[in-house]
């Protein structure tokens, strides 16, 4: 499985440039590239995030798209939490250009159950608690240099530890033509919070093996997930099977309802 960073396909001169390249789901050169690449290399490909059409013409959905080894789109997650920052000379308001999603998405894959999220979602642990027993969490990111230096590793490792899950966090990093600086520090963290591999800066990849037996042993030794008393079920959860239609869990719990 390969995971790309948030908005891997564009970091424009202006924030509004993402609107100019937005695509309808299933159409456009960005999605064609992802599907073709997954099929060519016979891999599962998590396409970071891609700007897709929103309900209004001046906004996009920040969408994490997942393709299987046949190049078929198996899942889509639209980023729920939108970044906002007013700190010194740095000002970001994603809500001006991005329309938020409203569903949690997990995938039952050959590698285990994968929970999808994007960048700023990382600051909201209730999102991951709403995911039913995920084995792997992906967090395609483009943290700012300021917030990334302060919080990125801490948040990634915290999500891994509290969910006893592997976290894969590819991140844009460096100076961009727009003048923006992103933090980088792509990493893969195991369920015990150990950083298995990382790329602090620059172009490259991080690689790690995921060990389901090791993860199972940790969850048996420390069954924290079974000790939960507070449930996070105020939002619908789409559970996507590898090659069948998604199932939607009721926000009040209970059996999945066919979608």
C-alpha atoms as a PDB file:
ATOM      1  CA  UNK A   1       0.000   0.000   0.000  1.00  0.00           C
ATOM      2  CA  UNK A   2       1.240   3.476  -0.931  1.00  0.00           C
ATOM      3  CA  UNK A   3      -0.012   6.702   0.669  1.00  0.00           C
ATOM      4  CA  UNK A   4       0.555  10.207  -0.763  1.00  0.00           C
ATOM      5  CA  UNK A   5       0.408  13.594   1.049  1.00  0.00           C
ATOM      6  CA  UNK A   6      -2.506  16.026   1.234  1.00  0.00           C
ATOM      7  CA  UNK A   7      -3.019  17.898  -2.065  1.00  0.00           C
ATOM      8  CA  UNK A   8      -0.017  16.021  -3.484  1.00  0.00           C
ATOM      9  CA  UNK A   9      -1.077  17.190  -6.940  1.00  0.00           C
ATOM     10  CA  UNK A  10      -1.099  20.946  -6.346  1.00  0.00           C
ATOM     11  CA  UNK A  11       0.343  23.605  -4.071  1.00  0.00           C
ATOM     12  CA  UNK A  12      -0.672  26.707  -6.001  1.00  0.00           C
ATOM     13  CA  UNK A  13       0.602  30.258  -6.042  1.00  0.00           C
ATOM     14  CA  UNK A  14      -2.718  31.217  -4.434  1.00  0.00           C
ATOM     15  CA  UNK A  15      -4.992  29.140  -2.241  1.00  0.00           C
ATOM     16  CA  UNK A  16      -7.828  29.616  -4.739  1.00  0.00           C
ATOM     17  CA  UNK A  17      -5.860  27.722  -7.400  1.00  0.00           C
ATOM     18  CA  UNK A  18      -7.285  24.445  -6.059  1.00  0.00           C
ATOM     19  CA  UNK A  19     -10.723  25.518  -7.261  1.00  0.00           C
ATOM     20  CA  UNK A  20      -9.435  25.907 -10.824  1.00  0.00           C
ATOM     21  CA  UNK A  21      -8.282  22.291 -10.995  1.00  0.00           C
ATOM     22  CA  UNK A  22     -11.136  20.631  -9.117  1.00  0.00           C
ATOM     23  CA  UNK A  23     -12.576  17.496 -10.693  1.00  0.00           C
ATOM     24  CA  UNK A  24     -15.867  15.645 -10.675  1.00  0.00           C
ATOM     25  CA  UNK A  25     -15.595  12.272  -8.981  1.00  0.00           C
ATOM     26  CA  UNK A  26     -14.446   9.665 -11.491  1.00  0.00           C
ATOM     27  CA  UNK A  27     -13.292  12.216 -14.075  1.00  0.00           C
ATOM     28  CA  UNK A  28     -10.175  14.273 -14.676  1.00  0.00           C
ATOM     29  CA  UNK A  29      -6.418  13.861 -15.081  1.00  0.00           C
ATOM     30  CA  UNK A  30      -5.563  13.629 -11.371  1.00  0.00           C
ATOM     31  CA  UNK A  31      -7.912  10.716 -10.744  1.00  0.00           C
ATOM     32  CA  UNK A  32      -6.907   9.073 -14.013  1.00  0.00           C
ATOM     33  CA  UNK A  33      -3.269   9.226 -12.891  1.00  0.00           C
ATOM     34  CA  UNK A  34      -4.075   7.621  -9.541  1.00  0.00           C
ATOM     35  CA  UNK A  35      -6.159   4.824 -11.075  1.00  0.00           C
ATOM     36  CA  UNK A  36      -3.587   4.150 -13.786  1.00  0.00           C
ATOM     37  CA  UNK A  37      -0.692   4.099 -11.300  1.00  0.00           C
ATOM     38  CA  UNK A  38      -2.441   1.713  -8.898  1.00  0.00           C
ATOM     39  CA  UNK A  39      -3.281  -0.682 -11.728  1.00  0.00           C
ATOM     40  CA  UNK A  40       0.142  -0.465 -13.390  1.00  0.00           C
ATOM     41  CA  UNK A  41       2.032  -1.288 -10.200  1.00  0.00           C
ATOM     42  CA  UNK A  42      -0.652  -3.601  -8.789  1.00  0.00           C
ATOM     43  CA  UNK A  43      -0.816  -1.721  -5.478  1.00  0.00           C
ATOM     44  CA  UNK A  44      -3.379  -0.150  -3.217  1.00  0.00           C
ATOM     45  CA  UNK A  45      -2.928   3.611  -3.538  1.00  0.00           C
ATOM     46  CA  UNK A  46      -4.244   6.202  -1.099  1.00  0.00           C
ATOM     47  CA  UNK A  47      -4.168   9.323  -3.219  1.00  0.00           C
ATOM     48  CA  UNK A  48      -3.420  11.774  -0.407  1.00  0.00           C
ATOM     49  CA  UNK A  49      -6.152  14.247  -1.159  1.00  0.00           C
ATOM     50  CA  UNK A  50      -7.572  15.634  -4.383  1.00  0.00           C
ATOM     51  CA  UNK A  51      -9.727  18.760  -4.976  1.00  0.00           C
ATOM     52  CA  UNK A  52     -13.158  17.520  -6.037  1.00  0.00           C
ATOM     53  CA  UNK A  53     -16.323  19.395  -6.875  1.00  0.00           C
ATOM     54  CA  UNK A  54     -18.328  20.878  -4.010  1.00  0.00           C
ATOM     55  CA  UNK A  55     -21.949  22.001  -3.890  1.00  0.00           C
ATOM     56  CA  UNK A  56     -20.891  25.565  -4.745  1.00  0.00           C
ATOM     57  CA  UNK A  57     -18.759  26.721  -7.674  1.00  0.00           C
ATOM     58  CA  UNK A  58     -16.199  28.605  -5.563  1.00  0.00           C
ATOM     59  CA  UNK A  59     -15.263  25.726  -3.247  1.00  0.00           C
ATOM     60  CA  UNK A  60     -13.847  22.195  -3.354  1.00  0.00           C
ATOM     61  CA  UNK A  61     -14.058  19.029  -1.311  1.00  0.00           C
ATOM     62  CA  UNK A  62     -10.664  17.984   0.050  1.00  0.00           C
ATOM     63  CA  UNK A  63     -11.074  14.307  -0.801  1.00  0.00           C
ATOM     64  CA  UNK A  64      -8.934  11.321   0.114  1.00  0.00           C
ATOM     65  CA  UNK A  65      -9.397   8.710  -2.630  1.00  0.00           C
ATOM     66  CA  UNK A  66      -8.391   5.073  -2.259  1.00  0.00           C
ATOM     67  CA  UNK A  67      -7.750   2.786  -5.247  1.00  0.00           C
ATOM     68  CA  UNK A  68      -7.215  -0.968  -5.173  1.00  0.00           C
ATOM     69  CA  UNK A  69      -4.677  -2.959  -7.193  1.00  0.00           C
ATOM     70  CA  UNK A  70      -7.073  -3.042 -10.172  1.00  0.00           C
ATOM     71  CA  UNK A  71      -7.181   0.748 -10.300  1.00  0.00           C
ATOM     72  CA  UNK A  72     -10.761   0.800  -8.995  1.00  0.00           C
ATOM     73  CA  UNK A  73     -11.909   3.531  -6.612  1.00  0.00           C
ATOM     74  CA  UNK A  74     -12.943   1.722  -3.434  1.00  0.00           C
ATOM     75  CA  UNK A  75     -13.434   4.623  -1.016  1.00  0.00           C
ATOM     76  CA  UNK A  76     -13.669   8.382  -0.726  1.00  0.00           C
ATOM     77  CA  UNK A  77     -13.349  10.453   2.434  1.00  0.00           C
ATOM     78  CA  UNK A  78     -13.960  14.218   2.454  1.00  0.00           C
ATOM     79  CA  UNK A  79     -11.952  16.119   5.064  1.00  0.00           C
ATOM     80  CA  UNK A  80     -14.239  17.108   7.930  1.00  0.00           C
ATOM     81  CA  UNK A  81     -12.173  19.513  10.028  1.00  0.00           C
ATOM     82  CA  UNK A  82     -10.976  22.669   8.259  1.00  0.00           C
ATOM     83  CA  UNK A  83      -7.786  24.396   9.339  1.00  0.00           C
ATOM     84  CA  UNK A  84      -7.852  27.953  10.649  1.00  0.00           C
ATOM     85  CA  UNK A  85      -4.915  29.910  12.054  1.00  0.00           C
ATOM     86  CA  UNK A  86      -4.233  33.560  12.878  1.00  0.00           C
ATOM     87  CA  UNK A  87      -0.777  33.665  14.393  1.00  0.00           C
ATOM     88  CA  UNK A  88       1.558  36.567  13.747  1.00  0.00           C
ATOM     89  CA  UNK A  89       1.972  36.880   9.977  1.00  0.00           C
ATOM     90  CA  UNK A  90       0.356  33.522   9.276  1.00  0.00           C
ATOM     91  CA  UNK A  91      -3.318  33.497   8.337  1.00  0.00           C
ATOM     92  CA  UNK A  92      -5.174  30.428   7.059  1.00  0.00           C
ATOM     93  CA  UNK A  93      -8.900  29.858   6.702  1.00  0.00           C
ATOM     94  CA  UNK A  94      -9.604  26.676   4.764  1.00  0.00           C
ATOM     95  CA  UNK A  95     -13.355  27.145   5.181  1.00  0.00           C
ATOM     96  CA  UNK A  96     -13.226  29.957   2.620  1.00  0.00           C
ATOM     97  CA  UNK A  97     -12.400  27.482  -0.159  1.00  0.00           C
ATOM     98  CA  UNK A  98     -13.174  24.009   1.180  1.00  0.00           C
ATOM     99  CA  UNK A  99     -16.550  22.478   1.901  1.00  0.00           C
ATOM    100  CA  UNK A 100     -16.337  20.045   4.850  1.00  0.00           C
ATOM    101  CA  UNK A 101     -17.319  16.415   4.695  1.00  0.00           C
ATOM    102  CA  UNK A 102     -19.807  14.893   7.104  1.00  0.00           C
ATOM    103  CA  UNK A 103     -18.984  11.157   7.237  1.00  0.00           C
ATOM    104  CA  UNK A 104     -16.313   9.005   8.794  1.00  0.00           C
ATOM    105  CA  UNK A 105     -14.961   6.394   6.371  1.00  0.00           C
ATOM    106  CA  UNK A 106     -13.187   3.119   7.110  1.00  0.00           C
ATOM    107  CA  UNK A 107     -12.201   0.350   4.700  1.00  0.00           C
ATOM    108  CA  UNK A 108     -12.038  -3.377   5.273  1.00  0.00           C
ATOM    109  CA  UNK A 109      -8.950  -4.055   3.165  1.00  0.00           C
ATOM    110  CA  UNK A 110      -6.574  -7.008   2.673  1.00  0.00           C
ATOM    111  CA  UNK A 111      -4.212  -5.198   5.082  1.00  0.00           C
ATOM    112  CA  UNK A 112      -6.747  -4.720   7.866  1.00  0.00           C
ATOM    113  CA  UNK A 113      -9.317  -2.061   8.613  1.00  0.00           C
ATOM    114  CA  UNK A 114      -8.103   1.361   7.444  1.00  0.00           C
ATOM    115  CA  UNK A 115      -9.404   4.655   8.841  1.00  0.00           C
ATOM    116  CA  UNK A 116      -9.192   7.689   6.558  1.00  0.00           C
ATOM    117  CA  UNK A 117      -8.394  11.227   7.670  1.00  0.00           C
ATOM    118  CA  UNK A 118      -6.626  14.324   6.338  1.00  0.00           C
ATOM    119  CA  UNK A 119      -4.160  16.678   8.052  1.00  0.00           C
ATOM    120  CA  UNK A 120      -6.089  18.945  10.498  1.00  0.00           C
ATOM    121  CA  UNK A 121      -8.385  16.027  11.379  1.00  0.00           C
ATOM    122  CA  UNK A 122      -5.423  14.818  13.422  1.00  0.00           C
ATOM    123  CA  UNK A 123      -6.260  17.308  16.188  1.00  0.00           C
ATOM    124  CA  UNK A 124      -9.664  15.743  16.821  1.00  0.00           C
ATOM    125  CA  UNK A 125      -9.295  12.361  18.564  1.00  0.00           C
ATOM    126  CA  UNK A 126     -13.061  11.837  18.598  1.00  0.00           C
ATOM    127  CA  UNK A 127     -12.917  11.296  14.845  1.00  0.00           C
ATOM    128  CA  UNK A 128     -10.719   8.235  15.326  1.00  0.00           C
ATOM    129  CA  UNK A 129     -12.772   7.006  18.270  1.00  0.00           C
ATOM    130  CA  UNK A 130     -15.780   7.008  15.948  1.00  0.00           C
ATOM    131  CA  UNK A 131     -13.944   4.580  13.656  1.00  0.00           C
ATOM    132  CA  UNK A 132     -14.843   0.998  14.602  1.00  0.00           C
ATOM    133  CA  UNK A 133     -11.655  -0.877  15.576  1.00  0.00           C
ATOM    134  CA  UNK A 134      -9.268   0.371  12.897  1.00  0.00           C
ATOM    135  CA  UNK A 135      -5.895  -1.334  12.436  1.00  0.00           C
ATOM    136  CA  UNK A 136      -4.329   1.374  10.278  1.00  0.00           C
ATOM    137  CA  UNK A 137      -4.908   5.127  10.236  1.00  0.00           C
ATOM    138  CA  UNK A 138      -3.788   7.254   7.297  1.00  0.00           C
ATOM    139  CA  UNK A 139      -3.228  10.987   7.685  1.00  0.00           C
ATOM    140  CA  UNK A 140      -2.106  12.665   4.436  1.00  0.00           C
ATOM    141  CA  UNK A 141      -0.886  16.070   5.574  1.00  0.00           C
ATOM    142  CA  UNK A 142       0.521  19.489   4.711  1.00  0.00           C
ATOM    143  CA  UNK A 143       1.087  20.993   8.168  1.00  0.00           C
ATOM    144  CA  UNK A 144       2.490  24.496   8.290  1.00  0.00           C
ATOM    145  CA  UNK A 145       6.093  24.755   9.456  1.00  0.00           C
ATOM    146  CA  UNK A 146       4.979  26.533  12.638  1.00  0.00           C
ATOM    147  CA  UNK A 147       2.294  24.110  13.778  1.00  0.00           C
ATOM    148  CA  UNK A 148       4.194  21.105  12.462  1.00  0.00           C
ATOM    149  CA  UNK A 149       7.324  21.794  14.488  1.00  0.00           C
ATOM    150  CA  UNK A 150       5.234  22.201  17.610  1.00  0.00           C
ATOM    151  CA  UNK A 151       2.685  19.408  17.295  1.00  0.00           C
ATOM    152  CA  UNK A 152       2.903  17.038  14.298  1.00  0.00           C
ATOM    153  CA  UNK A 153       4.931  14.179  15.775  1.00  0.00           C
ATOM    154  CA  UNK A 154       3.170  14.436  19.131  1.00  0.00           C
ATOM    155  CA  UNK A 155      -0.259  14.170  17.519  1.00  0.00           C
ATOM    156  CA  UNK A 156       0.710  11.309  15.198  1.00  0.00           C
ATOM    157  CA  UNK A 157       2.164   9.254  18.020  1.00  0.00           C
ATOM    158  CA  UNK A 158      -0.782  10.024  20.299  1.00  0.00           C
ATOM    159  CA  UNK A 159      -3.297   8.778  17.711  1.00  0.00           C
ATOM    160  CA  UNK A 160      -1.238   5.599  17.278  1.00  0.00           C
ATOM    161  CA  UNK A 161      -0.969   4.922  21.009  1.00  0.00           C
ATOM    162  CA  UNK A 162      -4.561   5.635  21.986  1.00  0.00           C
ATOM    163  CA  UNK A 163      -5.970   3.536  19.136  1.00  0.00           C
ATOM    164  CA  UNK A 164      -3.239   0.855  19.271  1.00  0.00           C
ATOM    165  CA  UNK A 165      -3.047   1.339  15.510  1.00  0.00           C
ATOM    166  CA  UNK A 166      -0.415   1.901  12.866  1.00  0.00           C
ATOM    167  CA  UNK A 167      -0.426   5.497  11.620  1.00  0.00           C
ATOM    168  CA  UNK A 168       0.858   6.382   8.157  1.00  0.00           C
ATOM    169  CA  UNK A 169       1.396  10.120   7.801  1.00  0.00           C
ATOM    170  CA  UNK A 170       2.901  11.339   4.510  1.00  0.00           C
ATOM    171  CA  UNK A 171       3.395  15.090   4.592  1.00  0.00           C
ATOM    172  CA  UNK A 172       4.326  17.857   2.203  1.00  0.00           C
ATOM    173  CA  UNK A 173       7.512  19.585   3.330  1.00  0.00           C
ATOM    174  CA  UNK A 174       9.617  22.503   2.148  1.00  0.00           C
ATOM    175  CA  UNK A 175       9.320  25.953   0.643  1.00  0.00           C
ATOM    176  CA  UNK A 176       6.665  26.493  -2.010  1.00  0.00           C
ATOM    177  CA  UNK A 177       6.553  29.094  -4.782  1.00  0.00           C
ATOM    178  CA  UNK A 178       3.674  30.827  -3.015  1.00  0.00           C
ATOM    179  CA  UNK A 179       5.960  31.590  -0.069  1.00  0.00           C
ATOM    180  CA  UNK A 180       4.315  29.006   2.147  1.00  0.00           C
ATOM    181  CA  UNK A 181       6.504  26.615   4.111  1.00  0.00           C
ATOM    182  CA  UNK A 182       5.207  23.175   5.034  1.00  0.00           C
ATOM    183  CA  UNK A 183       6.648  21.065   7.818  1.00  0.00           C
ATOM    184  CA  UNK A 184       7.167  17.666   6.195  1.00  0.00           C
ATOM    185  CA  UNK A 185       8.446  14.956   8.561  1.00  0.00           C
ATOM    186  CA  UNK A 186       6.555  12.112   6.891  1.00  0.00           C
ATOM    187  CA  UNK A 187       6.472   9.129   9.224  1.00  0.00           C
ATOM    188  CA  UNK A 188       5.036   5.709   9.985  1.00  0.00           C
ATOM    189  CA  UNK A 189       4.335   4.958  13.644  1.00  0.00           C
ATOM    190  CA  UNK A 190       3.512   1.597  15.203  1.00  0.00           C
ATOM    191  CA  UNK A 191       0.723   0.863  17.746  1.00  0.00           C
ATOM    192  CA  UNK A 192       3.137   1.389  20.646  1.00  0.00           C
ATOM    193  CA  UNK A 193       4.023   4.882  19.434  1.00  0.00           C
ATOM    194  CA  UNK A 194       7.408   3.952  17.987  1.00  0.00           C
ATOM    195  CA  UNK A 195       8.440   5.828  14.840  1.00  0.00           C
ATOM    196  CA  UNK A 196       9.358   3.083  12.364  1.00  0.00           C
ATOM    197  CA  UNK A 197      10.613   5.376   9.617  1.00  0.00           C
ATOM    198  CA  UNK A 198      10.553   9.083   8.871  1.00  0.00           C
ATOM    199  CA  UNK A 199      11.633  11.673   6.313  1.00  0.00           C
ATOM    200  CA  UNK A 200      12.282  14.977   8.085  1.00  0.00           C
ATOM    201  CA  UNK A 201      12.557  17.061   4.923  1.00  0.00           C
ATOM    202  CA  UNK A 202      12.879  16.899   1.152  1.00  0.00           C
ATOM    203  CA  UNK A 203      11.786  14.412  -1.481  1.00  0.00           C
ATOM    204  CA  UNK A 204      11.727  10.715  -0.731  1.00  0.00           C
ATOM    205  CA  UNK A 205       9.724   7.900   0.815  1.00  0.00           C
ATOM    206  CA  UNK A 206       9.274   6.242   4.184  1.00  0.00           C
ATOM    207  CA  UNK A 207       8.858   2.467   4.347  1.00  0.00           C
ATOM    208  CA  UNK A 208       7.802   0.065   7.074  1.00  0.00           C
ATOM    209  CA  UNK A 209       6.377  -3.414   7.503  1.00  0.00           C
ATOM    210  CA  UNK A 210       3.076  -3.720   9.364  1.00  0.00           C
ATOM    211  CA  UNK A 211       2.898  -6.683  11.740  1.00  0.00           C
ATOM    212  CA  UNK A 212      -0.692  -7.766  12.549  1.00  0.00           C
ATOM    213  CA  UNK A 213       0.484 -10.415  15.032  1.00  0.00           C
ATOM    214  CA  UNK A 214       2.474  -7.818  16.981  1.00  0.00           C
ATOM    215  CA  UNK A 215      -0.489  -5.464  16.963  1.00  0.00           C
ATOM    216  CA  UNK A 216      -2.804  -8.216  18.197  1.00  0.00           C
ATOM    217  CA  UNK A 217      -0.398  -9.069  21.016  1.00  0.00           C
ATOM    218  CA  UNK A 218      -0.314  -5.428  22.146  1.00  0.00           C
ATOM    219  CA  UNK A 219      -4.101  -5.221  22.109  1.00  0.00           C
ATOM    220  CA  UNK A 220      -4.311  -8.423  24.145  1.00  0.00           C
ATOM    221  CA  UNK A 221      -1.732  -7.239  26.693  1.00  0.00           C
ATOM    222  CA  UNK A 222      -3.242  -3.746  26.942  1.00  0.00           C
ATOM    223  CA  UNK A 223      -6.958  -4.055  26.038  1.00  0.00           C
ATOM    224  CA  UNK A 224      -7.579  -0.332  26.343  1.00  0.00           C
ATOM    225  CA  UNK A 225      -9.996  -0.319  23.418  1.00  0.00           C
ATOM    226  CA  UNK A 226     -12.260  -2.678  25.379  1.00  0.00           C
ATOM    227  CA  UNK A 227     -12.139  -0.428  28.438  1.00  0.00           C
ATOM    228  CA  UNK A 228     -13.900   2.499  26.784  1.00  0.00           C
ATOM    229  CA  UNK A 229     -16.984   3.893  28.509  1.00  0.00           C
ATOM    230  CA  UNK A 230     -17.627   7.017  26.429  1.00  0.00           C
ATOM    231  CA  UNK A 231     -18.854   6.343  22.891  1.00  0.00           C
ATOM    232  CA  UNK A 232     -18.438   8.681  19.903  1.00  0.00           C
ATOM    233  CA  UNK A 233     -21.443   7.931  17.706  1.00  0.00           C
ATOM    234  CA  UNK A 234     -22.874  11.310  16.727  1.00  0.00           C
ATOM    235  CA  UNK A 235     -21.774  10.996  13.102  1.00  0.00           C
ATOM    236  CA  UNK A 236     -22.512   8.391  10.458  1.00  0.00           C
ATOM    237  CA  UNK A 237     -19.749   5.946   9.603  1.00  0.00           C
ATOM    238  CA  UNK A 238     -19.328   4.375   6.171  1.00  0.00           C
ATOM    239  CA  UNK A 239     -17.701   0.938   6.368  1.00  0.00           C
ATOM    240  CA  UNK A 240     -16.418   0.154   2.891  1.00  0.00           C
ATOM    241  CA  UNK A 241     -15.803  -3.435   1.861  1.00  0.00           C
ATOM    242  CA  UNK A 242     -13.117  -4.206  -0.697  1.00  0.00           C
ATOM    243  CA  UNK A 243     -15.430  -5.011  -3.615  1.00  0.00           C
ATOM    244  CA  UNK A 244     -18.992  -4.582  -2.396  1.00  0.00           C
ATOM    245  CA  UNK A 245     -21.161  -1.490  -1.785  1.00  0.00           C
ATOM    246  CA  UNK A 246     -20.495   0.480   1.393  1.00  0.00           C
ATOM    247  CA  UNK A 247     -22.382  -0.171   4.575  1.00  0.00           C
ATOM    248  CA  UNK A 248     -23.502   2.721   6.693  1.00  0.00           C
ATOM    249  CA  UNK A 249     -23.634   2.475  10.457  1.00  0.00           C
ATOM    250  CA  UNK A 250     -26.404   4.311  12.238  1.00  0.00           C
ATOM    251  CA  UNK A 251     -25.139   7.166  14.472  1.00  0.00           C
ATOM    252  CA  UNK A 252     -26.995   5.474  17.320  1.00  0.00           C
ATOM    253  CA  UNK A 253     -25.146   2.187  16.792  1.00  0.00           C
ATOM    254  CA  UNK A 254     -26.689  -1.133  15.903  1.00  0.00           C
ATOM    255  CA  UNK A 255     -26.458  -3.148  12.746  1.00  0.00           C
ATOM    256  CA  UNK A 256     -25.165  -1.611   9.507  1.00  0.00           C
ATOM    257  CA  UNK A 257     -27.748  -0.554   6.973  1.00  0.00           C
ATOM    258  CA  UNK A 258     -27.028  -1.367   3.329  1.00  0.00           C
ATOM    259  CA  UNK A 259     -26.228   1.739   1.352  1.00  0.00           C
END
